[in-house]
Amino acid sequence: MMQQPARTLVFGGARSGKSAYAEKLAAASGKRVVYIATAQAGDSEMQARIALHRLQRPAAWITVEQPLVLGEAIRQHAAPDTLVLVDCLTVWLSNLLFSAQRDYPDVGKVVPPPAFAQQRDDLLQALQNLQNAQGGIVMVSNEVGMGIVPQGAVSRWFVDEAGRLNQAVAALCERVVFIAAGLPLALKG
């Protein structure tokens, strides 16, 4: 069994290998794994992705689908014998942004739904309070800010908020790993 820090963030671009790396960390922990999936099956393409992910995970892992109330889910499943794996923070962020099911302007200020600030704060509080005695957590997130600045206010807001979320989570983590082309680069810990 590999001793792991209480909190680890694994992030990278699309198809970088970040989820596979996070799953290897979870498997190597030797602990019971609770996989918190944030994706929602809103269309057939997403349904297929979710089904494939389920097939690829070990059968012994417990899957919890939680698209919005992530801090509470972490608190609920954190235990000394458990490694919580969250995949992924940017999907969760998108879920929060569109939870009010309203249109956003192409230009101008984007005002997120009230649930956004409350749920983000709750997640960060849950992470801050997580200790090694509670088993640990590995979180997956996307790095979306390394490309061109997107067109449209809501897209720019999302890129900005994803960057802010990654910074806030990384500050609370003992280990942060950037994945590019399937290769891990330890940034912290």
N, C-alpha and C. Protein backbone atom coordinates (compact mmCIF):
# COMPACT_ATOMS: atom_id res chain seq x y z
N MET A 1 0.85 -1.19 0.00
CA MET A 1 0.00 0.00 0.00
C MET A 1 0.88 1.25 0.00
N MET A 2 0.57 2.18 -0.89
CA MET A 2 1.34 3.40 -1.03
C MET A 2 0.74 4.49 -0.15
N GLN A 3 1.56 5.12 0.70
CA GLN A 3 1.09 6.22 1.54
C GLN A 3 0.90 7.45 0.66
N GLN A 4 -0.25 8.04 0.72
CA GLN A 4 -0.56 9.20 -0.10
C GLN A 4 -0.90 10.38 0.78
N PRO A 5 -0.67 11.58 0.25
CA PRO A 5 -1.12 12.77 0.97
C PRO A 5 -2.64 12.79 1.05
N ALA A 6 -3.16 13.58 1.96
CA ALA A 6 -4.62 13.65 2.13
C ALA A 6 -5.31 14.17 0.88
N ARG A 7 -4.69 15.15 0.21
CA ARG A 7 -5.34 15.80 -0.93
C ARG A 7 -4.40 15.88 -2.13
N THR A 8 -4.90 15.39 -3.26
CA THR A 8 -4.14 15.42 -4.51
C THR A 8 -5.02 15.97 -5.62
N LEU A 9 -4.46 16.89 -6.41
CA LEU A 9 -5.12 17.40 -7.61
C LEU A 9 -4.33 16.90 -8.81
N VAL A 10 -5.05 16.28 -9.76
CA VAL A 10 -4.47 15.83 -11.02
C VAL A 10 -5.19 16.60 -12.12
N PHE A 11 -4.42 17.39 -12.89
CA PHE A 11 -5.09 18.17 -13.93
C PHE A 11 -4.28 18.17 -15.22
N GLY A 12 -4.97 18.47 -16.30
CA GLY A 12 -4.34 18.51 -17.62
C GLY A 12 -5.41 18.79 -18.66
N GLY A 13 -5.00 18.75 -19.92
CA GLY A 13 -5.91 19.02 -21.01
C GLY A 13 -6.79 17.82 -21.34
N ALA A 14 -7.65 18.01 -22.33
CA ALA A 14 -8.53 16.93 -22.79
C ALA A 14 -7.69 15.79 -23.33
N ARG A 15 -8.04 14.57 -22.93
CA ARG A 15 -7.37 13.34 -23.37
C ARG A 15 -5.88 13.33 -23.03
N SER A 16 -5.51 13.98 -21.94
CA SER A 16 -4.11 14.02 -21.52
C SER A 16 -3.69 12.79 -20.74
N GLY A 17 -4.67 12.03 -20.23
CA GLY A 17 -4.37 10.87 -19.39
C GLY A 17 -4.57 11.15 -17.91
N LYS A 18 -5.19 12.28 -17.60
CA LYS A 18 -5.34 12.67 -16.19
C LYS A 18 -6.25 11.71 -15.41
N SER A 19 -7.35 11.28 -16.00
CA SER A 19 -8.24 10.36 -15.29
C SER A 19 -7.57 9.01 -15.06
N ALA A 20 -6.88 8.51 -16.08
CA ALA A 20 -6.18 7.23 -15.92
C ALA A 20 -5.12 7.31 -14.83
N TYR A 21 -4.40 8.43 -14.78
CA TYR A 21 -3.38 8.61 -13.74
C TYR A 21 -4.03 8.66 -12.35
N ALA A 22 -5.12 9.41 -12.23
CA ALA A 22 -5.82 9.51 -10.94
C ALA A 22 -6.33 8.14 -10.50
N GLU A 23 -6.84 7.37 -11.45
CA GLU A 23 -7.34 6.03 -11.12
C GLU A 23 -6.20 5.11 -10.67
N LYS A 24 -5.01 5.27 -11.24
CA LYS A 24 -3.85 4.49 -10.79
C LYS A 24 -3.49 4.86 -9.35
N LEU A 25 -3.54 6.14 -9.03
CA LEU A 25 -3.27 6.57 -7.65
C LEU A 25 -4.28 5.95 -6.70
N ALA A 26 -5.55 5.97 -7.10
CA ALA A 26 -6.60 5.41 -6.25
C ALA A 26 -6.38 3.92 -6.03
N ALA A 27 -6.09 3.19 -7.10
CA ALA A 27 -5.87 1.74 -7.00
C ALA A 27 -4.65 1.44 -6.13
N ALA A 28 -3.61 2.26 -6.26
CA ALA A 28 -2.37 2.03 -5.50
C ALA A 28 -2.52 2.36 -4.02
N SER A 29 -3.58 3.05 -3.66
CA SER A 29 -3.77 3.43 -2.25
C SER A 29 -4.02 2.22 -1.36
N GLY A 30 -4.54 1.15 -1.94
CA GLY A 30 -4.87 -0.03 -1.15
C GLY A 30 -6.12 0.14 -0.31
N LYS A 31 -6.81 1.25 -0.49
CA LYS A 31 -8.02 1.55 0.28
C LYS A 31 -9.26 1.28 -0.57
N ARG A 32 -10.37 1.23 0.12
CA ARG A 32 -11.66 1.20 -0.57
C ARG A 32 -11.76 2.50 -1.35
N VAL A 33 -12.25 2.44 -2.59
CA VAL A 33 -12.35 3.64 -3.43
C VAL A 33 -13.81 4.00 -3.64
N VAL A 34 -14.12 5.26 -3.35
CA VAL A 34 -15.42 5.83 -3.68
C VAL A 34 -15.17 6.83 -4.80
N TYR A 35 -15.75 6.54 -5.95
CA TYR A 35 -15.58 7.34 -7.16
C TYR A 35 -16.77 8.28 -7.26
N ILE A 36 -16.54 9.58 -7.09
CA ILE A 36 -17.61 10.56 -7.23
C ILE A 36 -17.57 11.09 -8.65
N ALA A 37 -18.58 10.71 -9.43
CA ALA A 37 -18.70 11.12 -10.82
C ALA A 37 -19.59 12.35 -10.89
N THR A 38 -19.09 13.40 -11.54
CA THR A 38 -19.86 14.64 -11.62
C THR A 38 -20.62 14.79 -12.94
N ALA A 39 -20.33 13.94 -13.92
CA ALA A 39 -20.96 14.06 -15.23
C ALA A 39 -22.44 13.67 -15.18
N GLN A 40 -23.21 14.29 -16.04
CA GLN A 40 -24.62 13.97 -16.20
C GLN A 40 -24.85 13.50 -17.64
N ALA A 41 -25.69 12.51 -17.80
CA ALA A 41 -25.96 11.94 -19.13
C ALA A 41 -27.05 12.74 -19.82
N GLY A 42 -26.70 13.92 -20.31
CA GLY A 42 -27.69 14.79 -20.94
C GLY A 42 -27.98 14.47 -22.38
N ASP A 43 -27.09 13.74 -23.05
CA ASP A 43 -27.31 13.36 -24.44
C ASP A 43 -26.69 11.99 -24.68
N SER A 44 -26.88 11.45 -25.88
CA SER A 44 -26.42 10.09 -26.17
C SER A 44 -24.89 9.98 -26.15
N GLU A 45 -24.20 11.01 -26.59
CA GLU A 45 -22.74 10.98 -26.58
C GLU A 45 -22.22 10.91 -25.14
N MET A 46 -22.81 11.70 -24.26
CA MET A 46 -22.39 11.69 -22.85
C MET A 46 -22.79 10.38 -22.19
N GLN A 47 -23.93 9.84 -22.54
CA GLN A 47 -24.34 8.53 -22.01
C GLN A 47 -23.31 7.46 -22.37
N ALA A 48 -22.82 7.50 -23.60
CA ALA A 48 -21.82 6.53 -24.05
C ALA A 48 -20.50 6.71 -23.30
N ARG A 49 -20.09 7.95 -23.08
CA ARG A 49 -18.85 8.22 -22.33
C ARG A 49 -18.96 7.69 -20.90
N ILE A 50 -20.09 7.96 -20.26
CA ILE A 50 -20.30 7.51 -18.88
C ILE A 50 -20.30 5.99 -18.82
N ALA A 51 -20.97 5.34 -19.75
CA ALA A 51 -21.01 3.87 -19.78
C ALA A 51 -19.61 3.29 -19.95
N LEU A 52 -18.79 3.88 -20.82
CA LEU A 52 -17.42 3.41 -21.02
C LEU A 52 -16.59 3.58 -19.75
N HIS A 53 -16.71 4.72 -19.10
CA HIS A 53 -15.98 4.95 -17.84
C HIS A 53 -16.37 3.92 -16.78
N ARG A 54 -17.66 3.62 -16.68
CA ARG A 54 -18.11 2.63 -15.70
C ARG A 54 -17.49 1.26 -15.98
N LEU A 55 -17.44 0.87 -17.24
CA LEU A 55 -16.86 -0.43 -17.61
C LEU A 55 -15.37 -0.50 -17.30
N GLN A 56 -14.68 0.62 -17.39
CA GLN A 56 -13.24 0.63 -17.18
C GLN A 56 -12.84 0.64 -15.71
N ARG A 57 -13.75 1.01 -14.83
CA ARG A 57 -13.42 1.06 -13.41
C ARG A 57 -13.51 -0.32 -12.78
N PRO A 58 -12.68 -0.58 -11.77
CA PRO A 58 -12.79 -1.86 -11.05
C PRO A 58 -14.18 -2.03 -10.44
N ALA A 59 -14.68 -3.25 -10.48
CA ALA A 59 -16.04 -3.54 -9.99
C ALA A 59 -16.19 -3.25 -8.50
N ALA A 60 -15.11 -3.34 -7.74
CA ALA A 60 -15.19 -3.13 -6.30
C ALA A 60 -15.33 -1.66 -5.92
N TRP A 61 -15.03 -0.77 -6.85
CA TRP A 61 -15.16 0.65 -6.54
C TRP A 61 -16.62 1.04 -6.44
N ILE A 62 -16.91 1.90 -5.50
CA ILE A 62 -18.27 2.41 -5.30
C ILE A 62 -18.40 3.70 -6.10
N THR A 63 -19.40 3.77 -6.95
CA THR A 63 -19.63 4.98 -7.74
C THR A 63 -20.79 5.77 -7.15
N VAL A 64 -20.53 7.05 -6.95
CA VAL A 64 -21.54 7.98 -6.46
C VAL A 64 -21.68 9.06 -7.53
N GLU A 65 -22.86 9.23 -8.05
CA GLU A 65 -23.09 10.28 -9.04
C GLU A 65 -23.59 11.52 -8.31
N GLN A 66 -22.78 12.59 -8.38
CA GLN A 66 -23.13 13.82 -7.69
C GLN A 66 -22.72 15.01 -8.56
N PRO A 67 -23.67 15.55 -9.32
CA PRO A 67 -23.33 16.63 -10.24
C PRO A 67 -23.24 18.02 -9.61
N LEU A 68 -23.77 18.24 -8.41
CA LEU A 68 -23.82 19.60 -7.87
C LEU A 68 -23.29 19.74 -6.44
N VAL A 69 -23.67 18.86 -5.54
CA VAL A 69 -23.40 19.03 -4.10
C VAL A 69 -22.13 18.26 -3.73
N LEU A 70 -21.00 18.72 -4.28
CA LEU A 70 -19.75 17.98 -4.18
C LEU A 70 -19.13 18.02 -2.79
N GLY A 71 -19.14 19.17 -2.14
CA GLY A 71 -18.57 19.26 -0.79
C GLY A 71 -19.25 18.31 0.17
N GLU A 72 -20.55 18.24 0.12
CA GLU A 72 -21.31 17.34 0.99
C GLU A 72 -21.00 15.88 0.66
N ALA A 73 -20.88 15.55 -0.61
CA ALA A 73 -20.55 14.18 -1.01
C ALA A 73 -19.17 13.78 -0.49
N ILE A 74 -18.22 14.69 -0.54
CA ILE A 74 -16.87 14.40 -0.01
C ILE A 74 -16.94 14.15 1.48
N ARG A 75 -17.62 15.02 2.21
CA ARG A 75 -17.75 14.83 3.66
C ARG A 75 -18.44 13.51 3.99
N GLN A 76 -19.44 13.17 3.23
CA GLN A 76 -20.22 11.95 3.47
C GLN A 76 -19.38 10.69 3.27
N HIS A 77 -18.47 10.69 2.30
CA HIS A 77 -17.75 9.47 1.95
C HIS A 77 -16.32 9.40 2.46
N ALA A 78 -15.78 10.50 2.99
CA ALA A 78 -14.43 10.48 3.55
C ALA A 78 -14.40 9.58 4.78
N ALA A 79 -13.46 8.66 4.80
CA ALA A 79 -13.32 7.72 5.93
C ALA A 79 -11.87 7.23 5.96
N PRO A 80 -11.40 6.79 7.12
CA PRO A 80 -10.00 6.35 7.24
C PRO A 80 -9.59 5.26 6.25
N ASP A 81 -10.50 4.39 5.89
CA ASP A 81 -10.18 3.28 5.00
C ASP A 81 -10.55 3.56 3.54
N THR A 82 -10.84 4.83 3.22
CA THR A 82 -11.40 5.17 1.91
C THR A 82 -10.58 6.24 1.20
N LEU A 83 -10.40 6.03 -0.09
CA LEU A 83 -9.84 7.06 -0.97
C LEU A 83 -11.00 7.55 -1.84
N VAL A 84 -11.29 8.83 -1.78
CA VAL A 84 -12.34 9.43 -2.59
C VAL A 84 -11.69 9.95 -3.88
N LEU A 85 -12.24 9.56 -5.01
CA LEU A 85 -11.75 10.01 -6.32
C LEU A 85 -12.87 10.83 -6.96
N VAL A 86 -12.59 12.10 -7.26
CA VAL A 86 -13.58 12.99 -7.87
C VAL A 86 -13.18 13.22 -9.33
N ASP A 87 -14.08 12.89 -10.25
CA ASP A 87 -13.82 13.10 -11.67
C ASP A 87 -15.07 13.69 -12.29
N CYS A 88 -15.13 14.96 -12.61
CA CYS A 88 -14.06 15.93 -12.56
C CYS A 88 -14.59 17.28 -12.13
N LEU A 89 -13.67 18.13 -11.67
CA LEU A 89 -14.06 19.43 -11.13
C LEU A 89 -14.60 20.38 -12.20
N THR A 90 -14.06 20.34 -13.41
CA THR A 90 -14.55 21.26 -14.43
C THR A 90 -15.93 20.88 -14.95
N VAL A 91 -16.24 19.59 -14.99
CA VAL A 91 -17.60 19.18 -15.33
C VAL A 91 -18.55 19.67 -14.23
N TRP A 92 -18.14 19.52 -12.98
CA TRP A 92 -18.93 20.00 -11.85
C TRP A 92 -19.16 21.51 -11.96
N LEU A 93 -18.11 22.25 -12.31
CA LEU A 93 -18.23 23.69 -12.47
C LEU A 93 -19.25 24.05 -13.56
N SER A 94 -19.20 23.32 -14.66
CA SER A 94 -20.16 23.53 -15.74
C SER A 94 -21.59 23.21 -15.27
N ASN A 95 -21.73 22.13 -14.51
CA ASN A 95 -23.04 21.77 -13.96
C ASN A 95 -23.60 22.91 -13.11
N LEU A 96 -22.74 23.50 -12.28
CA LEU A 96 -23.19 24.60 -11.42
C LEU A 96 -23.61 25.81 -12.25
N LEU A 97 -22.79 26.15 -13.23
CA LEU A 97 -23.09 27.32 -14.05
C LEU A 97 -24.44 27.20 -14.73
N PHE A 98 -24.75 26.00 -15.23
CA PHE A 98 -25.98 25.83 -15.99
C PHE A 98 -27.12 25.22 -15.16
N SER A 99 -26.95 25.15 -13.85
CA SER A 99 -27.97 24.56 -12.99
C SER A 99 -29.27 25.37 -12.97
N ALA A 100 -29.17 26.66 -13.23
CA ALA A 100 -30.37 27.50 -13.23
C ALA A 100 -31.11 27.43 -14.56
N GLN A 101 -30.55 26.75 -15.54
CA GLN A 101 -31.16 26.58 -16.86
C GLN A 101 -31.65 27.91 -17.44
N ARG A 102 -30.69 28.82 -17.55
CA ARG A 102 -31.01 30.11 -18.16
C ARG A 102 -29.98 30.43 -19.23
N ASP A 103 -30.31 31.38 -20.06
CA ASP A 103 -29.40 31.81 -21.13
C ASP A 103 -28.44 32.85 -20.57
N TYR A 104 -27.24 32.86 -21.13
CA TYR A 104 -26.23 33.84 -20.75
C TYR A 104 -25.92 34.73 -21.94
N PRO A 105 -25.52 35.98 -21.69
CA PRO A 105 -25.26 36.90 -22.81
C PRO A 105 -23.98 36.54 -23.56
N ASP A 106 -23.94 36.92 -24.85
CA ASP A 106 -22.72 36.74 -25.64
C ASP A 106 -21.66 37.76 -25.25
N VAL A 107 -22.12 38.92 -24.81
CA VAL A 107 -21.21 39.97 -24.34
C VAL A 107 -21.74 40.47 -23.00
N GLY A 108 -20.84 41.05 -22.23
CA GLY A 108 -21.24 41.62 -20.95
C GLY A 108 -20.95 40.70 -19.79
N LYS A 109 -21.44 41.09 -18.65
CA LYS A 109 -21.16 40.38 -17.41
C LYS A 109 -22.03 39.12 -17.28
N VAL A 110 -21.38 38.04 -16.87
CA VAL A 110 -22.09 36.79 -16.58
C VAL A 110 -22.32 36.73 -15.08
N VAL A 111 -23.57 36.60 -14.70
CA VAL A 111 -23.92 36.47 -13.28
C VAL A 111 -24.29 35.01 -13.05
N PRO A 112 -23.44 34.28 -12.32
CA PRO A 112 -23.72 32.86 -12.10
C PRO A 112 -24.91 32.68 -11.16
N PRO A 113 -25.53 31.51 -11.19
CA PRO A 113 -26.64 31.25 -10.28
C PRO A 113 -26.16 31.29 -8.83
N PRO A 114 -27.07 31.59 -7.90
CA PRO A 114 -26.69 31.67 -6.49
C PRO A 114 -26.02 30.39 -5.97
N ALA A 115 -26.38 29.25 -6.50
CA ALA A 115 -25.79 27.98 -6.04
C ALA A 115 -24.29 27.92 -6.30
N PHE A 116 -23.81 28.67 -7.29
CA PHE A 116 -22.40 28.60 -7.65
C PHE A 116 -21.49 28.95 -6.47
N ALA A 117 -21.64 30.15 -5.94
CA ALA A 117 -20.74 30.60 -4.85
C ALA A 117 -20.89 29.71 -3.62
N GLN A 118 -22.10 29.34 -3.28
CA GLN A 118 -22.33 28.52 -2.09
C GLN A 118 -21.70 27.14 -2.24
N GLN A 119 -21.89 26.49 -3.39
CA GLN A 119 -21.34 25.15 -3.60
C GLN A 119 -19.82 25.18 -3.74
N ARG A 120 -19.27 26.22 -4.38
CA ARG A 120 -17.82 26.35 -4.50
C ARG A 120 -17.20 26.51 -3.11
N ASP A 121 -17.77 27.40 -2.31
CA ASP A 121 -17.28 27.60 -0.94
C ASP A 121 -17.38 26.32 -0.12
N ASP A 122 -18.48 25.59 -0.29
CA ASP A 122 -18.67 24.35 0.45
C ASP A 122 -17.63 23.29 0.06
N LEU A 123 -17.32 23.20 -1.24
CA LEU A 123 -16.28 22.28 -1.69
C LEU A 123 -14.94 22.64 -1.07
N LEU A 124 -14.55 23.90 -1.14
CA LEU A 124 -13.26 24.32 -0.60
C LEU A 124 -13.19 24.09 0.92
N GLN A 125 -14.29 24.31 1.61
CA GLN A 125 -14.32 24.05 3.06
C GLN A 125 -14.16 22.56 3.35
N ALA A 126 -14.84 21.72 2.58
CA ALA A 126 -14.72 20.26 2.76
C ALA A 126 -13.27 19.83 2.54
N LEU A 127 -12.62 20.38 1.52
CA LEU A 127 -11.22 20.02 1.25
C LEU A 127 -10.29 20.53 2.34
N GLN A 128 -10.54 21.72 2.81
CA GLN A 128 -9.70 22.29 3.87
C GLN A 128 -9.77 21.45 5.13
N ASN A 129 -10.93 20.89 5.43
CA ASN A 129 -11.12 20.12 6.66
C ASN A 129 -10.70 18.66 6.53
N LEU A 130 -10.43 18.20 5.32
CA LEU A 130 -10.06 16.81 5.11
C LEU A 130 -8.65 16.53 5.65
N GLN A 131 -8.53 15.50 6.45
CA GLN A 131 -7.24 15.14 7.06
C GLN A 131 -6.84 13.74 6.61
N ASN A 132 -5.57 13.39 6.76
CA ASN A 132 -5.09 12.05 6.42
C ASN A 132 -5.89 10.97 7.13
N ALA A 133 -6.33 11.26 8.34
CA ALA A 133 -7.10 10.28 9.11
C ALA A 133 -8.42 9.94 8.44
N GLN A 134 -8.85 10.80 7.52
CA GLN A 134 -10.11 10.55 6.81
C GLN A 134 -9.91 9.78 5.51
N GLY A 135 -8.69 9.40 5.20
CA GLY A 135 -8.46 8.53 4.05
C GLY A 135 -7.84 9.19 2.84
N GLY A 136 -8.27 10.35 2.47
CA GLY A 136 -7.69 11.06 1.35
C GLY A 136 -8.61 11.22 0.16
N ILE A 137 -8.16 12.10 -0.74
CA ILE A 137 -8.95 12.43 -1.92
C ILE A 137 -8.01 12.70 -3.09
N VAL A 138 -8.41 12.25 -4.26
CA VAL A 138 -7.75 12.57 -5.52
C VAL A 138 -8.81 13.21 -6.40
N MET A 139 -8.51 14.41 -6.90
CA MET A 139 -9.46 15.14 -7.73
C MET A 139 -8.88 15.35 -9.12
N VAL A 140 -9.72 15.20 -10.12
CA VAL A 140 -9.33 15.41 -11.52
C VAL A 140 -9.95 16.72 -11.99
N SER A 141 -9.17 17.49 -12.74
CA SER A 141 -9.68 18.74 -13.30
C SER A 141 -9.03 18.99 -14.64
N ASN A 142 -9.68 19.80 -15.45
CA ASN A 142 -9.13 20.18 -16.75
C ASN A 142 -8.39 21.49 -16.66
N GLU A 143 -7.30 21.59 -17.41
CA GLU A 143 -6.64 22.87 -17.63
C GLU A 143 -7.21 23.41 -18.92
N VAL A 144 -8.02 24.44 -18.82
CA VAL A 144 -8.70 24.96 -20.02
C VAL A 144 -8.17 26.32 -20.43
N GLY A 145 -7.21 26.86 -19.73
CA GLY A 145 -6.75 28.22 -19.99
C GLY A 145 -5.46 28.33 -20.78
N MET A 146 -5.00 27.26 -21.40
CA MET A 146 -3.73 27.32 -22.11
C MET A 146 -3.89 27.58 -23.61
N GLY A 147 -5.13 27.72 -24.05
CA GLY A 147 -5.38 27.96 -25.47
C GLY A 147 -5.74 29.42 -25.72
N ILE A 148 -6.43 29.64 -26.81
CA ILE A 148 -6.86 31.00 -27.14
C ILE A 148 -7.97 31.44 -26.19
N VAL A 149 -8.15 32.73 -26.07
CA VAL A 149 -9.24 33.27 -25.26
C VAL A 149 -10.53 33.00 -26.03
N PRO A 150 -11.48 32.30 -25.41
CA PRO A 150 -12.70 31.94 -26.15
C PRO A 150 -13.58 33.15 -26.45
N GLN A 151 -14.38 32.99 -27.49
CA GLN A 151 -15.34 34.01 -27.86
C GLN A 151 -16.60 33.80 -27.04
N GLY A 152 -17.19 34.86 -26.58
CA GLY A 152 -18.44 34.78 -25.83
C GLY A 152 -18.21 34.91 -24.34
N ALA A 153 -19.05 35.68 -23.71
CA ALA A 153 -18.89 35.99 -22.29
C ALA A 153 -18.95 34.76 -21.41
N VAL A 154 -19.89 33.84 -21.67
CA VAL A 154 -20.03 32.68 -20.80
C VAL A 154 -18.82 31.75 -20.93
N SER A 155 -18.26 31.63 -22.12
CA SER A 155 -17.07 30.79 -22.31
C SER A 155 -15.87 31.40 -21.59
N ARG A 156 -15.70 32.72 -21.70
CA ARG A 156 -14.60 33.38 -20.98
C ARG A 156 -14.79 33.26 -19.47
N TRP A 157 -16.03 33.41 -19.00
CA TRP A 157 -16.30 33.26 -17.57
C TRP A 157 -15.92 31.86 -17.12
N PHE A 158 -16.29 30.85 -17.89
CA PHE A 158 -15.98 29.47 -17.53
C PHE A 158 -14.47 29.24 -17.44
N VAL A 159 -13.72 29.70 -18.43
CA VAL A 159 -12.26 29.54 -18.42
C VAL A 159 -11.67 30.24 -17.20
N ASP A 160 -12.13 31.45 -16.92
CA ASP A 160 -11.63 32.19 -15.75
C ASP A 160 -11.95 31.45 -14.45
N GLU A 161 -13.19 31.00 -14.31
CA GLU A 161 -13.58 30.33 -13.08
C GLU A 161 -12.91 28.96 -12.92
N ALA A 162 -12.69 28.26 -14.03
CA ALA A 162 -11.96 26.98 -13.94
C ALA A 162 -10.54 27.24 -13.47
N GLY A 163 -9.90 28.26 -13.99
CA GLY A 163 -8.56 28.62 -13.54
C GLY A 163 -8.53 28.99 -12.07
N ARG A 164 -9.50 29.79 -11.63
CA ARG A 164 -9.58 30.18 -10.21
C ARG A 164 -9.83 28.96 -9.32
N LEU A 165 -10.71 28.06 -9.77
CA LEU A 165 -11.00 26.86 -8.99
C LEU A 165 -9.75 25.99 -8.89
N ASN A 166 -9.04 25.78 -9.99
CA ASN A 166 -7.83 24.97 -9.95
C ASN A 166 -6.80 25.58 -9.00
N GLN A 167 -6.66 26.89 -9.02
CA GLN A 167 -5.72 27.55 -8.10
C GLN A 167 -6.13 27.35 -6.65
N ALA A 168 -7.40 27.53 -6.35
CA ALA A 168 -7.88 27.39 -4.97
C ALA A 168 -7.72 25.95 -4.48
N VAL A 169 -8.05 24.98 -5.32
CA VAL A 169 -7.92 23.57 -4.93
C VAL A 169 -6.44 23.21 -4.79
N ALA A 170 -5.60 23.65 -5.72
CA ALA A 170 -4.16 23.35 -5.65
C ALA A 170 -3.54 23.92 -4.38
N ALA A 171 -3.99 25.08 -3.95
CA ALA A 171 -3.46 25.68 -2.72
C ALA A 171 -3.76 24.82 -1.49
N LEU A 172 -4.87 24.07 -1.53
CA LEU A 172 -5.25 23.23 -0.40
C LEU A 172 -4.65 21.82 -0.47
N CYS A 173 -4.11 21.45 -1.61
CA CYS A 173 -3.60 20.09 -1.81
C CYS A 173 -2.13 19.97 -1.42
N GLU A 174 -1.79 18.81 -0.88
CA GLU A 174 -0.38 18.52 -0.58
C GLU A 174 0.37 18.10 -1.84
N ARG A 175 -0.37 17.54 -2.82
CA ARG A 175 0.25 17.12 -4.07
C ARG A 175 -0.60 17.61 -5.24
N VAL A 176 0.11 18.15 -6.26
CA VAL A 176 -0.53 18.60 -7.49
C VAL A 176 0.30 18.05 -8.65
N VAL A 177 -0.38 17.37 -9.58
CA VAL A 177 0.29 16.75 -10.72
C VAL A 177 -0.37 17.23 -12.01
N PHE A 178 0.47 17.73 -12.92
CA PHE A 178 0.00 18.13 -14.25
C PHE A 178 0.29 16.98 -15.20
N ILE A 179 -0.69 16.60 -16.01
CA ILE A 179 -0.54 15.51 -16.97
C ILE A 179 -0.57 16.09 -18.38
N ALA A 180 0.43 15.71 -19.18
CA ALA A 180 0.46 16.08 -20.59
C ALA A 180 0.93 14.84 -21.36
N ALA A 181 0.20 14.47 -22.40
CA ALA A 181 0.53 13.31 -23.24
C ALA A 181 0.74 12.05 -22.39
N GLY A 182 -0.06 11.92 -21.34
CA GLY A 182 0.02 10.75 -20.48
C GLY A 182 1.17 10.76 -19.49
N LEU A 183 1.95 11.81 -19.47
CA LEU A 183 3.12 11.89 -18.61
C LEU A 183 2.87 12.83 -17.44
N PRO A 184 3.13 12.37 -16.22
CA PRO A 184 2.90 13.22 -15.04
C PRO A 184 4.09 14.14 -14.76
N LEU A 185 3.78 15.37 -14.41
CA LEU A 185 4.76 16.34 -13.97
C LEU A 185 4.32 16.82 -12.60
N ALA A 186 5.08 16.46 -11.57
CA ALA A 186 4.74 16.88 -10.21
C ALA A 186 5.02 18.37 -10.05
N LEU A 187 3.99 19.12 -9.71
CA LEU A 187 4.14 20.55 -9.49
C LEU A 187 4.26 20.88 -8.00
N LYS A 188 3.75 19.97 -7.17
CA LYS A 188 3.75 20.19 -5.73
C LYS A 188 3.70 18.84 -5.05
N GLY A 189 4.54 18.66 -4.04
CA GLY A 189 4.52 17.44 -3.24
C GLY A 189 5.23 16.26 -3.82
